[in-house]
């Protein structure tokens, strides 16, 4: 009887550990979509234009942002590797630091580019 109880406890633990997070993510997504739908329907019923939900961001900007982020991370990893080879810095520490640093710099560069293009389009 104890063996069966131990097996059931183990199975329940595995199901909860690996099943609960995806289930929660799905529930959060479902309820957020449901709330957005109700909000849109309320706007349409009142006769208000629901164009505020339309995103104006193009795929070019998304691709550019991800490209600058991944490029920055790649450059940071390369620089971290070079520093670990030619200096006394430990590879396990310097590579993630450089990847995060240059990934962040890539996102800052994207932000600056985006602000410049937005101010040019407004003028």
PDB file of N, CA and C in Angstrom:
ATOM      1  N   UNK A   1       0.815  -1.190   0.000  1.00  0.00           N
ATOM      2  CA  UNK A   1       0.000   0.000   0.000  1.00  0.00           C
ATOM      3  C   UNK A   1       0.868   1.267   0.000  1.00  0.00           C
ATOM      4  N   UNK A   2       1.972   1.238   0.744  1.00  0.00           N
ATOM      5  CA  UNK A   2       2.849   2.407   0.787  1.00  0.00           C
ATOM      6  C   UNK A   2       3.502   2.656  -0.566  1.00  0.00           C
ATOM      7  N   UNK A   3       3.812   1.586  -1.307  1.00  0.00           N
ATOM      8  CA  UNK A   3       4.414   1.754  -2.629  1.00  0.00           C
ATOM      9  C   UNK A   3       3.441   2.457  -3.577  1.00  0.00           C
ATOM     10  N   UNK A   4       2.176   2.058  -3.529  1.00  0.00           N
ATOM     11  CA  UNK A   4       1.173   2.678  -4.398  1.00  0.00           C
ATOM     12  C   UNK A   4       0.987   4.141  -4.012  1.00  0.00           C
ATOM     13  N   UNK A   5       0.926   4.434  -2.722  1.00  0.00           N
ATOM     14  CA  UNK A   5       0.773   5.806  -2.263  1.00  0.00           C
ATOM     15  C   UNK A   5       1.982   6.664  -2.662  1.00  0.00           C
ATOM     16  N   UNK A   6       3.179   6.086  -2.581  1.00  0.00           N
ATOM     17  CA  UNK A   6       4.386   6.807  -2.994  1.00  0.00           C
ATOM     18  C   UNK A   6       4.392   7.087  -4.486  1.00  0.00           C
ATOM     19  N   UNK A   7       3.950   6.124  -5.280  1.00  0.00           N
ATOM     20  CA  UNK A   7       3.887   6.315  -6.731  1.00  0.00           C
ATOM     21  C   UNK A   7       2.852   7.369  -7.085  1.00  0.00           C
ATOM     22  N   UNK A   8       1.685   7.313  -6.446  1.00  0.00           N
ATOM     23  CA  UNK A   8       0.648   8.306  -6.716  1.00  0.00           C
ATOM     24  C   UNK A   8       1.086   9.709  -6.302  1.00  0.00           C
ATOM     25  N   UNK A   9       1.781   9.813  -5.182  1.00  0.00           N
ATOM     26  CA  UNK A   9       2.287  11.111  -4.736  1.00  0.00           C
ATOM     27  C   UNK A   9       3.307  11.654  -5.736  1.00  0.00           C
ATOM     28  N   UNK A  10       4.176  10.807  -6.218  1.00  0.00           N
ATOM     29  CA  UNK A  10       5.165  11.226  -7.215  1.00  0.00           C
ATOM     30  C   UNK A  10       4.513  11.666  -8.514  1.00  0.00           C
ATOM     31  N   UNK A  11       3.510  10.903  -8.956  1.00  0.00           N
ATOM     32  CA  UNK A  11       2.806  11.263 -10.193  1.00  0.00           C
ATOM     33  C   UNK A  11       2.074  12.592 -10.033  1.00  0.00           C
ATOM     34  N   UNK A  12       1.434  12.785  -8.879  1.00  0.00           N
ATOM     35  CA  UNK A  12       0.724  14.033  -8.621  1.00  0.00           C
ATOM     36  C   UNK A  12       1.700  15.213  -8.597  1.00  0.00           C
ATOM     37  N   UNK A  13       2.857  15.021  -8.002  1.00  0.00           N
ATOM     38  CA  UNK A  13       3.860  16.084  -7.959  1.00  0.00           C
ATOM     39  C   UNK A  13       4.338  16.439  -9.362  1.00  0.00           C
ATOM     40  N   UNK A  14       4.576  15.435 -10.183  1.00  0.00           N
ATOM     41  CA  UNK A  14       5.024  15.689 -11.557  1.00  0.00           C
ATOM     42  C   UNK A  14       3.946  16.411 -12.352  1.00  0.00           C
ATOM     43  N   UNK A  15       2.698  15.977 -12.188  1.00  0.00           N
ATOM     44  CA  UNK A  15       1.596  16.619 -12.907  1.00  0.00           C
ATOM     45  C   UNK A  15       1.453  18.074 -12.478  1.00  0.00           C
ATOM     46  N   UNK A  16       1.555  18.330 -11.189  1.00  0.00           N
ATOM     47  CA  UNK A  16       1.420  19.711 -10.713  1.00  0.00           C
ATOM     48  C   UNK A  16       2.585  20.591 -11.136  1.00  0.00           C
ATOM     49  N   UNK A  17       3.792  20.044 -11.098  1.00  0.00           N
ATOM     50  CA  UNK A  17       4.965  20.845 -11.457  1.00  0.00           C
ATOM     51  C   UNK A  17       4.969  21.179 -12.946  1.00  0.00           C
ATOM     52  N   UNK A  18       4.680  20.172 -13.777  1.00  0.00           N
ATOM     53  CA  UNK A  18       4.760  20.400 -15.218  1.00  0.00           C
ATOM     54  C   UNK A  18       3.425  20.787 -15.843  1.00  0.00           C
ATOM     55  N   UNK A  19       2.328  20.579 -15.162  1.00  0.00           N
ATOM     56  CA  UNK A  19       1.025  20.887 -15.731  1.00  0.00           C
ATOM     57  C   UNK A  19       0.453  22.211 -15.277  1.00  0.00           C
ATOM     58  N   UNK A  20       0.768  22.633 -14.076  1.00  0.00           N
ATOM     59  CA  UNK A  20       0.181  23.858 -13.544  1.00  0.00           C
ATOM     60  C   UNK A  20       0.653  25.123 -14.274  1.00  0.00           C
ATOM     61  N   UNK A  21       1.942  25.326 -14.504  1.00  0.00           N
ATOM     62  CA  UNK A  21       2.349  26.563 -15.191  1.00  0.00           C
ATOM     63  C   UNK A  21       1.757  26.721 -16.593  1.00  0.00           C
ATOM     64  N   UNK A  22       1.791  25.690 -17.462  1.00  0.00           N
ATOM     65  CA  UNK A  22       1.141  25.878 -18.765  1.00  0.00           C
ATOM     66  C   UNK A  22      -0.362  26.103 -18.638  1.00  0.00           C
ATOM     67  N   UNK A  23      -0.995  25.419 -17.689  1.00  0.00           N
ATOM     68  CA  UNK A  23      -2.426  25.616 -17.486  1.00  0.00           C
ATOM     69  C   UNK A  23      -2.748  27.035 -17.046  1.00  0.00           C
ATOM     70  N   UNK A  24      -1.934  27.578 -16.153  1.00  0.00           N
ATOM     71  CA  UNK A  24      -2.145  28.953 -15.705  1.00  0.00           C
ATOM     72  C   UNK A  24      -1.924  29.951 -16.835  1.00  0.00           C
ATOM     73  N   UNK A  25      -0.925  29.703 -17.654  1.00  0.00           N
ATOM     74  CA  UNK A  25      -0.660  30.592 -18.787  1.00  0.00           C
ATOM     75  C   UNK A  25      -1.840  30.572 -19.750  1.00  0.00           C
ATOM     76  N   UNK A  26      -2.376  29.398 -20.017  1.00  0.00           N
ATOM     77  CA  UNK A  26      -3.528  29.290 -20.916  1.00  0.00           C
ATOM     78  C   UNK A  26      -4.742  29.995 -20.319  1.00  0.00           C
ATOM     79  N   UNK A  27      -4.975  29.832 -19.026  1.00  0.00           N
ATOM     80  CA  UNK A  27      -6.110  30.506 -18.384  1.00  0.00           C
ATOM     81  C   UNK A  27      -5.958  32.023 -18.405  1.00  0.00           C
ATOM     82  N   UNK A  28      -4.761  32.523 -18.143  1.00  0.00           N
ATOM     83  CA  UNK A  28      -4.528  33.966 -18.176  1.00  0.00           C
ATOM     84  C   UNK A  28      -4.755  34.506 -19.582  1.00  0.00           C
ATOM     85  N   UNK A  29      -4.263  33.811 -20.582  1.00  0.00           N
ATOM     86  CA  UNK A  29      -4.453  34.236 -21.968  1.00  0.00           C
ATOM     87  C   UNK A  29      -5.932  34.243 -22.332  1.00  0.00           C
ATOM     88  N   UNK A  30      -6.658  33.195 -21.932  1.00  0.00           N
ATOM     89  CA  UNK A  30      -8.073  33.091 -22.253  1.00  0.00           C
ATOM     90  C   UNK A  30      -8.862  34.232 -21.635  1.00  0.00           C
ATOM     91  N   UNK A  31      -8.646  34.502 -20.351  1.00  0.00           N
ATOM     92  CA  UNK A  31      -9.408  35.544 -19.683  1.00  0.00           C
ATOM     93  C   UNK A  31      -9.023  36.939 -20.159  1.00  0.00           C
ATOM     94  N   UNK A  32      -7.775  37.145 -20.550  1.00  0.00           N
ATOM     95  CA  UNK A  32      -7.403  38.457 -21.089  1.00  0.00           C
ATOM     96  C   UNK A  32      -8.046  38.683 -22.447  1.00  0.00           C
ATOM     97  N   UNK A  33      -8.099  37.650 -23.274  1.00  0.00           N
ATOM     98  CA  UNK A  33      -8.791  37.769 -24.570  1.00  0.00           C
ATOM     99  C   UNK A  33     -10.283  38.000 -24.381  1.00  0.00           C
ATOM    100  N   UNK A  34     -10.854  37.312 -23.402  1.00  0.00           N
ATOM    101  CA  UNK A  34     -12.282  37.470 -23.125  1.00  0.00           C
ATOM    102  C   UNK A  34     -12.591  38.895 -22.658  1.00  0.00           C
ATOM    103  N   UNK A  35     -11.753  39.452 -21.802  1.00  0.00           N
ATOM    104  CA  UNK A  35     -11.948  40.819 -21.326  1.00  0.00           C
ATOM    105  C   UNK A  35     -11.793  41.826 -22.464  1.00  0.00           C
ATOM    106  N   UNK A  36     -10.813  41.603 -23.337  1.00  0.00           N
ATOM    107  CA  UNK A  36     -10.622  42.504 -24.472  1.00  0.00           C
ATOM    108  C   UNK A  36     -11.818  42.451 -25.410  1.00  0.00           C
ATOM    109  N   UNK A  37     -12.370  41.261 -25.604  1.00  0.00           N
ATOM    110  CA  UNK A  37     -13.544  41.105 -26.464  1.00  0.00           C
ATOM    111  C   UNK A  37     -14.743  41.849 -25.875  1.00  0.00           C
ATOM    112  N   UNK A  38     -14.959  41.712 -24.564  1.00  0.00           N
ATOM    113  CA  UNK A  38     -16.066  42.421 -23.913  1.00  0.00           C
ATOM    114  C   UNK A  38     -15.901  43.934 -24.038  1.00  0.00           C
ATOM    115  N   UNK A  39     -14.675  44.398 -23.898  1.00  0.00           N
ATOM    116  CA  UNK A  39     -14.409  45.826 -24.008  1.00  0.00           C
ATOM    117  C   UNK A  39     -14.698  46.326 -25.418  1.00  0.00           C
ATOM    118  N   UNK A  40     -14.286  45.572 -26.397  1.00  0.00           N
ATOM    119  CA  UNK A  40     -14.558  45.958 -27.789  1.00  0.00           C
ATOM    120  C   UNK A  40     -16.052  45.966 -28.073  1.00  0.00           C
ATOM    121  N   UNK A  41     -16.762  44.954 -27.592  1.00  0.00           N
ATOM    122  CA  UNK A  41     -18.203  44.895 -27.809  1.00  0.00           C
ATOM    123  C   UNK A  41     -18.905  46.078 -27.137  1.00  0.00           C
ATOM    124  N   UNK A  42     -18.458  46.476 -25.956  1.00  0.00           N
ATOM    125  CA  UNK A  42     -19.052  47.630 -25.272  1.00  0.00           C
ATOM    126  C   UNK A  42     -18.806  48.906 -26.072  1.00  0.00           C
ATOM    127  N   UNK A  43     -17.622  49.052 -26.645  1.00  0.00           N
ATOM    128  CA  UNK A  43     -17.334  50.232 -27.464  1.00  0.00           C
ATOM    129  C   UNK A  43     -18.198  50.254 -28.718  1.00  0.00           C
ATOM    130  N   UNK A  44     -18.357  49.099 -29.341  1.00  0.00           N
ATOM    131  CA  UNK A  44     -19.166  49.032 -30.557  1.00  0.00           C
ATOM    132  C   UNK A  44     -20.626  49.336 -30.236  1.00  0.00           C
ATOM    133  N   UNK A  45     -21.135  48.838 -29.110  1.00  0.00           N
ATOM    134  CA  UNK A  45     -22.513  49.103 -28.724  1.00  0.00           C
ATOM    135  C   UNK A  45     -22.755  50.582 -28.461  1.00  0.00           C
ATOM    136  N   UNK A  46     -21.764  51.274 -27.927  1.00  0.00           N
ATOM    137  CA  UNK A  46     -21.903  52.703 -27.663  1.00  0.00           C
ATOM    138  C   UNK A  46     -21.671  53.544 -28.910  1.00  0.00           C
ATOM    139  N   UNK A  47     -21.228  52.903 -29.994  1.00  0.00           N
ATOM    140  CA  UNK A  47     -20.994  53.624 -31.236  1.00  0.00           C
ATOM    141  C   UNK A  47     -19.634  54.281 -31.310  1.00  0.00           C
ATOM    142  N   UNK A  48     -18.734  53.920 -30.425  1.00  0.00           N
ATOM    143  CA  UNK A  48     -17.384  54.494 -30.409  1.00  0.00           C
ATOM    144  C   UNK A  48     -16.495  53.663 -31.339  1.00  0.00           C
ATOM    145  N   UNK A  49     -15.610  54.353 -32.042  1.00  0.00           N
ATOM    146  CA  UNK A  49     -14.706  53.672 -32.954  1.00  0.00           C
ATOM    147  C   UNK A  49     -13.727  52.809 -32.166  1.00  0.00           C
ATOM    148  N   UNK A  50     -13.621  51.556 -32.547  1.00  0.00           N
ATOM    149  CA  UNK A  50     -12.735  50.627 -31.851  1.00  0.00           C
ATOM    150  C   UNK A  50     -11.359  50.553 -32.497  1.00  0.00           C
ATOM    151  N   UNK A  51     -10.973  51.600 -33.205  1.00  0.00           N
ATOM    152  CA  UNK A  51      -9.675  51.583 -33.888  1.00  0.00           C
ATOM    153  C   UNK A  51      -8.505  51.746 -32.922  1.00  0.00           C
ATOM    154  N   UNK A  52      -8.791  52.025 -31.655  1.00  0.00           N
ATOM    155  CA  UNK A  52      -7.700  52.161 -30.691  1.00  0.00           C
ATOM    156  C   UNK A  52      -7.007  50.825 -30.445  1.00  0.00           C
ATOM    157  N   UNK A  53      -7.653  49.732 -30.811  1.00  0.00           N
ATOM    158  CA  UNK A  53      -7.060  48.415 -30.609  1.00  0.00           C
ATOM    159  C   UNK A  53      -6.164  47.987 -31.752  1.00  0.00           C
ATOM    160  N   UNK A  54      -6.171  48.732 -32.836  1.00  0.00           N
ATOM    161  CA  UNK A  54      -5.346  48.371 -33.990  1.00  0.00           C
ATOM    162  C   UNK A  54      -3.935  48.857 -33.742  1.00  0.00           C
ATOM    163  N   UNK A  55      -2.987  47.955 -33.821  1.00  0.00           N
ATOM    164  CA  UNK A  55      -1.586  48.313 -33.609  1.00  0.00           C
ATOM    165  C   UNK A  55      -1.016  48.862 -34.913  1.00  0.00           C
ATOM    166  N   UNK A  56      -0.274  49.949 -34.789  1.00  0.00           N
ATOM    167  CA  UNK A  56       0.334  50.553 -35.962  1.00  0.00           C
ATOM    168  C   UNK A  56       1.768  50.091 -36.174  1.00  0.00           C
ATOM    169  N   UNK A  57       2.268  49.280 -35.274  1.00  0.00           N
ATOM    170  CA  UNK A  57       3.648  48.829 -35.389  1.00  0.00           C
ATOM    171  C   UNK A  57       3.778  47.840 -36.543  1.00  0.00           C
ATOM    172  N   UNK A  58       4.734  48.084 -37.394  1.00  0.00           N
ATOM    173  CA  UNK A  58       4.930  47.221 -38.548  1.00  0.00           C
ATOM    174  C   UNK A  58       5.831  46.053 -38.180  1.00  0.00           C
ATOM    175  N   UNK A  59       5.842  45.062 -39.033  1.00  0.00           N
ATOM    176  CA  UNK A  59       6.703  43.913 -38.776  1.00  0.00           C
ATOM    177  C   UNK A  59       8.172  44.304 -38.920  1.00  0.00           C
ATOM    178  N   UNK A  60       8.456  45.356 -39.702  1.00  0.00           N
ATOM    179  CA  UNK A  60       9.844  45.803 -39.848  1.00  0.00           C
ATOM    180  C   UNK A  60      10.427  46.192 -38.496  1.00  0.00           C
ATOM    181  N   UNK A  61       9.658  46.919 -37.707  1.00  0.00           N
ATOM    182  CA  UNK A  61      10.166  47.361 -36.418  1.00  0.00           C
ATOM    183  C   UNK A  61      10.347  46.191 -35.454  1.00  0.00           C
ATOM    184  N   UNK A  62       9.462  45.218 -35.510  1.00  0.00           N
ATOM    185  CA  UNK A  62       9.617  44.043 -34.652  1.00  0.00           C
ATOM    186  C   UNK A  62      10.871  43.266 -35.033  1.00  0.00           C
ATOM    187  N   UNK A  63      11.064  43.080 -36.333  1.00  0.00           N
ATOM    188  CA  UNK A  63      12.232  42.345 -36.803  1.00  0.00           C
ATOM    189  C   UNK A  63      13.513  43.097 -36.456  1.00  0.00           C
ATOM    190  N   UNK A  64      13.484  44.412 -36.603  1.00  0.00           N
ATOM    191  CA  UNK A  64      14.656  45.211 -36.265  1.00  0.00           C
ATOM    192  C   UNK A  64      14.976  45.116 -34.779  1.00  0.00           C
ATOM    193  N   UNK A  65      13.946  45.181 -33.928  1.00  0.00           N
ATOM    194  CA  UNK A  65      14.171  45.090 -32.494  1.00  0.00           C
ATOM    195  C   UNK A  65      14.782  43.747 -32.127  1.00  0.00           C
ATOM    196  N   UNK A  66      14.205  42.666 -32.629  1.00  0.00           N
ATOM    197  CA  UNK A  66      14.730  41.335 -32.308  1.00  0.00           C
ATOM    198  C   UNK A  66      16.125  41.145 -32.900  1.00  0.00           C
ATOM    199  N   UNK A  67      16.350  41.683 -34.088  1.00  0.00           N
ATOM    200  CA  UNK A  67      17.670  41.581 -34.701  1.00  0.00           C
ATOM    201  C   UNK A  67      18.734  42.305 -33.895  1.00  0.00           C
ATOM    202  N   UNK A  68      18.399  43.498 -33.412  1.00  0.00           N
ATOM    203  CA  UNK A  68      19.371  44.243 -32.610  1.00  0.00           C
ATOM    204  C   UNK A  68      19.603  43.563 -31.263  1.00  0.00           C
ATOM    205  N   UNK A  69      18.560  42.985 -30.670  1.00  0.00           N
ATOM    206  CA  UNK A  69      18.719  42.277 -29.403  1.00  0.00           C
ATOM    207  C   UNK A  69      19.591  41.041 -29.575  1.00  0.00           C
ATOM    208  N   UNK A  70      19.268  40.206 -30.553  1.00  0.00           N
ATOM    209  CA  UNK A  70      20.023  38.962 -30.758  1.00  0.00           C
ATOM    210  C   UNK A  70      21.437  39.253 -31.240  1.00  0.00           C
ATOM    211  N   UNK A  71      21.586  40.273 -32.100  1.00  0.00           N
ATOM    212  CA  UNK A  71      22.926  40.669 -32.531  1.00  0.00           C
ATOM    213  C   UNK A  71      23.765  41.163 -31.376  1.00  0.00           C
ATOM    214  N   UNK A  72      23.155  41.940 -30.477  1.00  0.00           N
ATOM    215  CA  UNK A  72      23.875  42.421 -29.304  1.00  0.00           C
ATOM    216  C   UNK A  72      24.282  41.284 -28.392  1.00  0.00           C
ATOM    217  N   UNK A  73      23.387  40.324 -28.196  1.00  0.00           N
ATOM    218  CA  UNK A  73      23.720  39.164 -27.360  1.00  0.00           C
ATOM    219  C   UNK A  73      24.849  38.360 -27.991  1.00  0.00           C
ATOM    220  N   UNK A  74      24.778  38.160 -29.307  1.00  0.00           N
ATOM    221  CA  UNK A  74      25.836  37.423 -29.998  1.00  0.00           C
ATOM    222  C   UNK A  74      27.173  38.129 -29.912  1.00  0.00           C
ATOM    223  N   UNK A  75      27.162  39.449 -30.113  1.00  0.00           N
ATOM    224  CA  UNK A  75      28.406  40.206 -30.010  1.00  0.00           C
ATOM    225  C   UNK A  75      28.940  40.162 -28.584  1.00  0.00           C
ATOM    226  N   UNK A  76      28.050  40.223 -27.603  1.00  0.00           N
ATOM    227  CA  UNK A  76      28.469  40.145 -26.206  1.00  0.00           C
ATOM    228  C   UNK A  76      29.083  38.799 -25.872  1.00  0.00           C
ATOM    229  N   UNK A  77      28.489  37.725 -26.396  1.00  0.00           N
ATOM    230  CA  UNK A  77      29.072  36.395 -26.163  1.00  0.00           C
ATOM    231  C   UNK A  77      30.443  36.275 -26.806  1.00  0.00           C
ATOM    232  N   UNK A  78      30.581  36.808 -28.018  1.00  0.00           N
ATOM    233  CA  UNK A  78      31.879  36.774 -28.690  1.00  0.00           C
ATOM    234  C   UNK A  78      32.916  37.569 -27.912  1.00  0.00           C
ATOM    235  N   UNK A  79      32.555  38.766 -27.479  1.00  0.00           N
ATOM    236  CA  UNK A  79      33.487  39.582 -26.716  1.00  0.00           C
ATOM    237  C   UNK A  79      33.807  38.936 -25.374  1.00  0.00           C
ATOM    238  N   UNK A  80      32.816  38.318 -24.730  1.00  0.00           N
ATOM    239  CA  UNK A  80      33.059  37.620 -23.475  1.00  0.00           C
ATOM    240  C   UNK A  80      34.009  36.455 -23.645  1.00  0.00           C
ATOM    241  N   UNK A  81      33.865  35.728 -24.754  1.00  0.00           N
ATOM    242  CA  UNK A  81      34.776  34.618 -25.019  1.00  0.00           C
ATOM    243  C   UNK A  81      36.196  35.126 -25.248  1.00  0.00           C
ATOM    244  N   UNK A  82      36.313  36.194 -26.034  1.00  0.00           N
ATOM    245  CA  UNK A  82      37.641  36.760 -26.304  1.00  0.00           C
ATOM    246  C   UNK A  82      38.290  37.245 -25.006  1.00  0.00           C
ATOM    247  N   UNK A  83      37.510  37.906 -24.154  1.00  0.00           N
ATOM    248  CA  UNK A  83      38.051  38.368 -22.877  1.00  0.00           C
ATOM    249  C   UNK A  83      38.454  37.209 -21.978  1.00  0.00           C
ATOM    250  N   UNK A  84      37.679  36.124 -22.000  1.00  0.00           N
ATOM    251  CA  UNK A  84      38.025  34.982 -21.139  1.00  0.00           C
ATOM    252  C   UNK A  84      39.279  34.268 -21.634  1.00  0.00           C
ATOM    253  N   UNK A  85      39.531  34.312 -22.932  1.00  0.00           N
ATOM    254  CA  UNK A  85      40.720  33.652 -23.473  1.00  0.00           C
ATOM    255  C   UNK A  85      41.974  34.485 -23.206  1.00  0.00           C
ATOM    256  N   UNK A  86      41.896  35.797 -23.411  1.00  0.00           N
ATOM    257  CA  UNK A  86      43.080  36.643 -23.332  1.00  0.00           C
ATOM    258  C   UNK A  86      43.291  37.313 -21.977  1.00  0.00           C
ATOM    259  N   UNK A  87      42.385  37.130 -21.042  1.00  0.00           N
ATOM    260  CA  UNK A  87      42.568  37.702 -19.701  1.00  0.00           C
ATOM    261  C   UNK A  87      42.360  36.598 -18.670  1.00  0.00           C
ATOM    262  N   UNK A  88      42.431  36.961 -17.427  1.00  0.00           N
ATOM    263  CA  UNK A  88      42.242  36.001 -16.344  1.00  0.00           C
ATOM    264  C   UNK A  88      40.783  35.912 -15.892  1.00  0.00           C
ATOM    265  N   UNK A  89      39.883  36.528 -16.644  1.00  0.00           N
ATOM    266  CA  UNK A  89      38.473  36.511 -16.272  1.00  0.00           C
ATOM    267  C   UNK A  89      37.889  35.121 -16.507  1.00  0.00           C
ATOM    268  N   UNK A  90      36.988  34.719 -15.611  1.00  0.00           N
ATOM    269  CA  UNK A  90      36.380  33.395 -15.711  1.00  0.00           C
ATOM    270  C   UNK A  90      35.278  33.414 -16.768  1.00  0.00           C
ATOM    271  N   UNK A  91      35.282  32.421 -17.639  1.00  0.00           N
ATOM    272  CA  UNK A  91      34.350  32.368 -18.758  1.00  0.00           C
ATOM    273  C   UNK A  91      32.902  32.248 -18.296  1.00  0.00           C
ATOM    274  N   UNK A  92      32.656  31.528 -17.234  1.00  0.00           N
ATOM    275  CA  UNK A  92      31.290  31.339 -16.742  1.00  0.00           C
ATOM    276  C   UNK A  92      30.666  32.602 -16.192  1.00  0.00           C
ATOM    277  N   UNK A  93      31.482  33.593 -15.888  1.00  0.00           N
ATOM    278  CA  UNK A  93      30.963  34.848 -15.349  1.00  0.00           C
ATOM    279  C   UNK A  93      30.925  35.928 -16.422  1.00  0.00           C
ATOM    280  N   UNK A  94      31.982  36.056 -17.189  1.00  0.00           N
ATOM    281  CA  UNK A  94      32.095  37.188 -18.109  1.00  0.00           C
ATOM    282  C   UNK A  94      31.174  37.045 -19.330  1.00  0.00           C
ATOM    283  N   UNK A  95      30.938  35.822 -19.798  1.00  0.00           N
ATOM    284  CA  UNK A  95      30.106  35.662 -20.995  1.00  0.00           C
ATOM    285  C   UNK A  95      28.654  36.075 -20.768  1.00  0.00           C
ATOM    286  N   UNK A  96      27.993  35.635 -19.699  1.00  0.00           N
ATOM    287  CA  UNK A  96      26.622  36.115 -19.492  1.00  0.00           C
ATOM    288  C   UNK A  96      26.539  37.622 -19.227  1.00  0.00           C
ATOM    289  N   UNK A  97      27.551  38.160 -18.526  1.00  0.00           N
ATOM    290  CA  UNK A  97      27.562  39.595 -18.266  1.00  0.00           C
ATOM    291  C   UNK A  97      27.644  40.373 -19.573  1.00  0.00           C
ATOM    292  N   UNK A  98      28.541  39.968 -20.449  1.00  0.00           N
ATOM    293  CA  UNK A  98      28.697  40.657 -21.735  1.00  0.00           C
ATOM    294  C   UNK A  98      27.460  40.474 -22.615  1.00  0.00           C
ATOM    295  N   UNK A  99      26.861  39.276 -22.591  1.00  0.00           N
ATOM    296  CA  UNK A  99      25.659  39.037 -23.394  1.00  0.00           C
ATOM    297  C   UNK A  99      24.527  39.945 -22.934  1.00  0.00           C
ATOM    298  N   UNK A 100      24.328  40.057 -21.630  1.00  0.00           N
ATOM    299  CA  UNK A 100      23.278  40.928 -21.113  1.00  0.00           C
ATOM    300  C   UNK A 100      23.584  42.401 -21.385  1.00  0.00           C
ATOM    301  N   UNK A 101      24.844  42.781 -21.224  1.00  0.00           N
ATOM    302  CA  UNK A 101      25.230  44.175 -21.445  1.00  0.00           C
ATOM    303  C   UNK A 101      24.985  44.587 -22.892  1.00  0.00           C
ATOM    304  N   UNK A 102      25.488  43.806 -23.834  1.00  0.00           N
ATOM    305  CA  UNK A 102      25.345  44.187 -25.233  1.00  0.00           C
ATOM    306  C   UNK A 102      23.937  43.943 -25.760  1.00  0.00           C
ATOM    307  N   UNK A 103      23.208  42.990 -25.190  1.00  0.00           N
ATOM    308  CA  UNK A 103      21.791  42.845 -25.534  1.00  0.00           C
ATOM    309  C   UNK A 103      21.013  44.081 -25.113  1.00  0.00           C
ATOM    310  N   UNK A 104      21.299  44.575 -23.915  1.00  0.00           N
ATOM    311  CA  UNK A 104      20.668  45.811 -23.445  1.00  0.00           C
ATOM    312  C   UNK A 104      21.065  47.008 -24.288  1.00  0.00           C
ATOM    313  N   UNK A 105      22.324  47.062 -24.679  1.00  0.00           N
ATOM    314  CA  UNK A 105      22.761  48.164 -25.544  1.00  0.00           C
ATOM    315  C   UNK A 105      22.073  48.097 -26.908  1.00  0.00           C
ATOM    316  N   UNK A 106      21.844  46.891 -27.396  1.00  0.00           N
ATOM    317  CA  UNK A 106      21.100  46.745 -28.653  1.00  0.00           C
ATOM    318  C   UNK A 106      19.678  47.264 -28.528  1.00  0.00           C
ATOM    319  N   UNK A 107      19.022  46.987 -27.413  1.00  0.00           N
ATOM    320  CA  UNK A 107      17.665  47.492 -27.200  1.00  0.00           C
ATOM    321  C   UNK A 107      17.650  49.005 -27.015  1.00  0.00           C
ATOM    322  N   UNK A 108      18.673  49.543 -26.352  1.00  0.00           N
ATOM    323  CA  UNK A 108      18.763  51.001 -26.217  1.00  0.00           C
ATOM    324  C   UNK A 108      18.980  51.637 -27.588  1.00  0.00           C
ATOM    325  N   UNK A 109      19.818  51.008 -28.420  1.00  0.00           N
ATOM    326  CA  UNK A 109      20.019  51.506 -29.777  1.00  0.00           C
ATOM    327  C   UNK A 109      18.730  51.483 -30.584  1.00  0.00           C
ATOM    328  N   UNK A 110      17.944  50.443 -30.422  1.00  0.00           N
ATOM    329  CA  UNK A 110      16.649  50.367 -31.117  1.00  0.00           C
ATOM    330  C   UNK A 110      15.723  51.474 -30.631  1.00  0.00           C
ATOM    331  N   UNK A 111      15.716  51.724 -29.326  1.00  0.00           N
ATOM    332  CA  UNK A 111      14.866  52.770 -28.766  1.00  0.00           C
ATOM    333  C   UNK A 111      15.249  54.140 -29.336  1.00  0.00           C
ATOM    334  N   UNK A 112      16.540  54.420 -29.397  1.00  0.00           N
ATOM    335  CA  UNK A 112      17.008  55.701 -29.940  1.00  0.00           C
ATOM    336  C   UNK A 112      16.615  55.820 -31.410  1.00  0.00           C
ATOM    337  N   UNK A 113      16.803  54.747 -32.186  1.00  0.00           N
ATOM    338  CA  UNK A 113      16.421  54.758 -33.600  1.00  0.00           C
ATOM    339  C   UNK A 113      14.923  55.004 -33.743  1.00  0.00           C
ATOM    340  N   UNK A 114      14.132  54.316 -32.926  1.00  0.00           N
ATOM    341  CA  UNK A 114      12.679  54.436 -33.017  1.00  0.00           C
ATOM    342  C   UNK A 114      12.217  55.845 -32.677  1.00  0.00           C
ATOM    343  N   UNK A 115      12.823  56.460 -31.658  1.00  0.00           N
ATOM    344  CA  UNK A 115      12.458  57.827 -31.287  1.00  0.00           C
ATOM    345  C   UNK A 115      12.826  58.812 -32.396  1.00  0.00           C
ATOM    346  N   UNK A 116      13.965  58.597 -33.048  1.00  0.00           N
ATOM    347  CA  UNK A 116      14.371  59.479 -34.145  1.00  0.00           C
ATOM    348  C   UNK A 116      13.388  59.384 -35.312  1.00  0.00           C
ATOM    349  N   UNK A 117      12.980  58.154 -35.657  1.00  0.00           N
ATOM    350  CA  UNK A 117      12.057  57.998 -36.781  1.00  0.00           C
ATOM    351  C   UNK A 117      10.671  58.522 -36.431  1.00  0.00           C
ATOM    352  N   UNK A 118      10.261  58.406 -35.164  1.00  0.00           N
ATOM    353  CA  UNK A 118       8.950  58.938 -34.777  1.00  0.00           C
ATOM    354  C   UNK A 118       8.937  60.458 -34.802  1.00  0.00           C
ATOM    355  N   UNK A 119      10.023  61.098 -34.375  1.00  0.00           N
ATOM    356  CA  UNK A 119      10.046  62.555 -34.398  1.00  0.00           C
ATOM    357  C   UNK A 119      10.136  63.093 -35.830  1.00  0.00           C
ATOM    358  N   UNK A 120      10.802  62.361 -36.714  1.00  0.00           N
ATOM    359  CA  UNK A 120      10.855  62.775 -38.115  1.00  0.00           C
ATOM    360  C   UNK A 120       9.492  62.643 -38.776  1.00  0.00           C
ATOM    361  N   UNK A 121       8.735  61.597 -38.436  1.00  0.00           N
ATOM    362  CA  UNK A 121       7.432  61.404 -39.055  1.00  0.00           C
ATOM    363  C   UNK A 121       6.412  62.402 -38.529  1.00  0.00           C
ATOM    364  N   UNK A 122       6.574  62.906 -37.311  1.00  0.00           N
ATOM    365  CA  UNK A 122       5.656  63.877 -36.742  1.00  0.00           C
ATOM    366  C   UNK A 122       5.881  65.251 -37.364  1.00  0.00           C
ATOM    367  N   UNK A 123       7.129  65.585 -37.627  1.00  0.00           N
ATOM    368  CA  UNK A 123       7.459  66.918 -38.179  1.00  0.00           C
ATOM    369  C   UNK A 123       7.075  67.052 -39.596  1.00  0.00           C
TER     370      UNK A 123
END
